Amino acid sequence: SGEVVDREEKLSTAGTIVWGEDDSTLFYVTLDAAHRPYRVYRRRLSGDTEDELLFEQPDELFWTDVHKSLDGKYLFVDTSSSETSEVH
């Protein structure tokens, strides 16, 4: 529809934004000071609560990403380095 449902200009994401099962939840990845994607948050667009931290990768050798399963029922958090990777 082109309608803006939420806007926060200071939000620094890694570019990864995934819709939840409904149209009122977003999942997104934020960057650390070195511009490494490392945290996954859930935002409820109702605005009633703070964004919830779901995952944090403290190891500076790993990068974090998030995606949904093909059927849209599951959210996957991927962490990877140049030598290995994990899926949570």
C-alpha atoms as a PDB file:
ATOM      1  CA  SER A   1       0.000   0.000   0.000  1.00  0.00           C
ATOM      2  CA  GLY A   2       3.012   2.271   0.382  1.00  0.00           C
ATOM      3  CA  GLU A   3       1.982   3.278   3.919  1.00  0.00           C
ATOM      4  CA  VAL A   4       4.868   3.823   6.356  1.00  0.00           C
ATOM      5  CA  VAL A   5       4.092   1.683   9.419  1.00  0.00           C
ATOM      6  CA  ASP A   6       7.186   2.421  11.492  1.00  0.00           C
ATOM      7  CA  ARG A   7      10.149   4.747  11.175  1.00  0.00           C
ATOM      8  CA  GLU A   8      13.270   5.229  13.224  1.00  0.00           C
ATOM      9  CA  GLU A   9      16.034   7.117  11.475  1.00  0.00           C
ATOM     10  CA  LYS A  10      18.710   6.282  14.078  1.00  0.00           C
ATOM     11  CA  LEU A  11      18.245   2.506  13.775  1.00  0.00           C
ATOM     12  CA  SER A  12      21.471   1.006  12.404  1.00  0.00           C
ATOM     13  CA  THR A  13      20.616  -2.327  10.792  1.00  0.00           C
ATOM     14  CA  ALA A  14      22.807  -4.684   8.821  1.00  0.00           C
ATOM     15  CA  GLY A  15      20.214  -4.484   6.062  1.00  0.00           C
ATOM     16  CA  THR A  16      18.513  -7.719   7.090  1.00  0.00           C
ATOM     17  CA  ILE A  17      14.851  -7.275   8.004  1.00  0.00           C
ATOM     18  CA  VAL A  18      12.430 -10.212   8.129  1.00  0.00           C
ATOM     19  CA  TRP A  19       8.668 -10.125   8.716  1.00  0.00           C
ATOM     20  CA  GLY A  20       7.228 -12.317  11.462  1.00  0.00           C
ATOM     21  CA  GLU A  21       4.310 -14.677  10.856  1.00  0.00           C
ATOM     22  CA  ASP A  22       1.936 -11.747  11.114  1.00  0.00           C
ATOM     23  CA  ASP A  23       2.127  -8.213   9.798  1.00  0.00           C
ATOM     24  CA  SER A  24       2.917  -6.666  13.177  1.00  0.00           C
ATOM     25  CA  THR A  25       6.366  -8.138  13.953  1.00  0.00           C
ATOM     26  CA  LEU A  26       9.769  -7.516  12.390  1.00  0.00           C
ATOM     27  CA  PHE A  27      13.113  -9.168  13.069  1.00  0.00           C
ATOM     28  CA  TYR A  28      16.281  -7.265  12.289  1.00  0.00           C
ATOM     29  CA  VAL A  29      20.063  -7.445  12.727  1.00  0.00           C
ATOM     30  CA  THR A  30      22.136  -4.576  14.143  1.00  0.00           C
ATOM     31  CA  LEU A  31      25.787  -3.672  13.706  1.00  0.00           C
ATOM     32  CA  ASP A  32      28.521  -3.199  16.293  1.00  0.00           C
ATOM     33  CA  ALA A  33      31.072  -0.363  16.261  1.00  0.00           C
ATOM     34  CA  ALA A  34      33.168  -2.236  13.658  1.00  0.00           C
ATOM     35  CA  HIS A  35      30.065  -2.590  11.409  1.00  0.00           C
ATOM     36  CA  ARG A  36      29.831  -6.332  12.117  1.00  0.00           C
ATOM     37  CA  PRO A  37      26.280  -7.749  12.198  1.00  0.00           C
ATOM     38  CA  TYR A  38      25.982  -9.289  15.652  1.00  0.00           C
ATOM     39  CA  ARG A  39      22.551  -8.837  17.309  1.00  0.00           C
ATOM     40  CA  VAL A  40      19.058 -10.007  16.337  1.00  0.00           C
ATOM     41  CA  TYR A  41      16.067  -8.067  17.664  1.00  0.00           C
ATOM     42  CA  ARG A  42      12.283  -8.449  17.495  1.00  0.00           C
ATOM     43  CA  ARG A  43      10.196  -5.316  17.022  1.00  0.00           C
ATOM     44  CA  ARG A  44       6.448  -5.303  17.568  1.00  0.00           C
ATOM     45  CA  LEU A  45       4.992  -2.563  15.406  1.00  0.00           C
ATOM     46  CA  SER A  46       2.289  -1.829  17.984  1.00  0.00           C
ATOM     47  CA  GLY A  47       4.945   0.258  19.753  1.00  0.00           C
ATOM     48  CA  ASP A  48       3.836  -0.959  23.190  1.00  0.00           C
ATOM     49  CA  THR A  49       7.188  -2.531  24.124  1.00  0.00           C
ATOM     50  CA  GLU A  50      10.912  -2.036  23.649  1.00  0.00           C
ATOM     51  CA  ASP A  51      12.604  -4.063  20.919  1.00  0.00           C
ATOM     52  CA  GLU A  52      13.574  -7.453  22.330  1.00  0.00           C
ATOM     53  CA  LEU A  53      17.127  -8.753  21.976  1.00  0.00           C
ATOM     54  CA  LEU A  54      16.840 -12.383  20.822  1.00  0.00           C
ATOM     55  CA  PHE A  55      20.453 -13.259  20.013  1.00  0.00           C
ATOM     56  CA  GLU A  56      23.912 -11.743  20.402  1.00  0.00           C
ATOM     57  CA  GLN A  57      27.158 -13.042  18.889  1.00  0.00           C
ATOM     58  CA  PRO A  58      30.019 -11.805  21.119  1.00  0.00           C
ATOM     59  CA  ASP A  59      32.799 -13.491  19.096  1.00  0.00           C
ATOM     60  CA  GLU A  60      34.228 -10.801  16.793  1.00  0.00           C
ATOM     61  CA  LEU A  61      35.223 -13.431  14.204  1.00  0.00           C
ATOM     62  CA  PHE A  62      31.553 -14.270  13.519  1.00  0.00           C
ATOM     63  CA  TRP A  63      28.899 -12.392  11.550  1.00  0.00           C
ATOM     64  CA  THR A  64      25.176 -12.857  12.150  1.00  0.00           C
ATOM     65  CA  ASP A  65      22.225 -13.045   9.758  1.00  0.00           C
ATOM     66  CA  VAL A  66      18.554 -13.973  10.085  1.00  0.00           C
ATOM     67  CA  HIS A  67      16.069 -15.579   7.682  1.00  0.00           C
ATOM     68  CA  LYS A  68      12.821 -17.561   7.676  1.00  0.00           C
ATOM     69  CA  SER A  69      12.148 -21.114   6.548  1.00  0.00           C
ATOM     70  CA  LEU A  70      10.522 -21.576   3.142  1.00  0.00           C
ATOM     71  CA  ASP A  71       7.133 -22.200   4.759  1.00  0.00           C
ATOM     72  CA  GLY A  72       7.566 -19.069   6.922  1.00  0.00           C
ATOM     73  CA  LYS A  73       7.037 -20.910  10.216  1.00  0.00           C
ATOM     74  CA  TYR A  74      10.581 -20.780  11.581  1.00  0.00           C
ATOM     75  CA  LEU A  75      13.165 -18.070  12.093  1.00  0.00           C
ATOM     76  CA  PHE A  76      16.825 -19.043  11.666  1.00  0.00           C
ATOM     77  CA  VAL A  77      19.795 -17.153  13.055  1.00  0.00           C
ATOM     78  CA  ASP A  78      23.010 -17.889  11.151  1.00  0.00           C
ATOM     79  CA  THR A  79      26.444 -17.103  12.488  1.00  0.00           C
ATOM     80  CA  SER A  80      29.511 -17.632  10.340  1.00  0.00           C
ATOM     81  CA  SER A  81      33.220 -16.950  10.181  1.00  0.00           C
ATOM     82  CA  SER A  82      35.728 -17.654   7.445  1.00  0.00           C
ATOM     83  CA  GLU A  83      36.160 -21.212   8.779  1.00  0.00           C
ATOM     84  CA  THR A  84      32.824 -22.381  10.187  1.00  0.00           C
ATOM     85  CA  SER A  85      29.134 -21.576  10.575  1.00  0.00           C
ATOM     86  CA  GLU A  86      26.220 -22.329  12.900  1.00  0.00           C
ATOM     87  CA  VAL A  87      22.442 -22.143  12.616  1.00  0.00           C
ATOM     88  CA  HIS A  88      20.314 -21.426  15.691  1.00  0.00           C
END
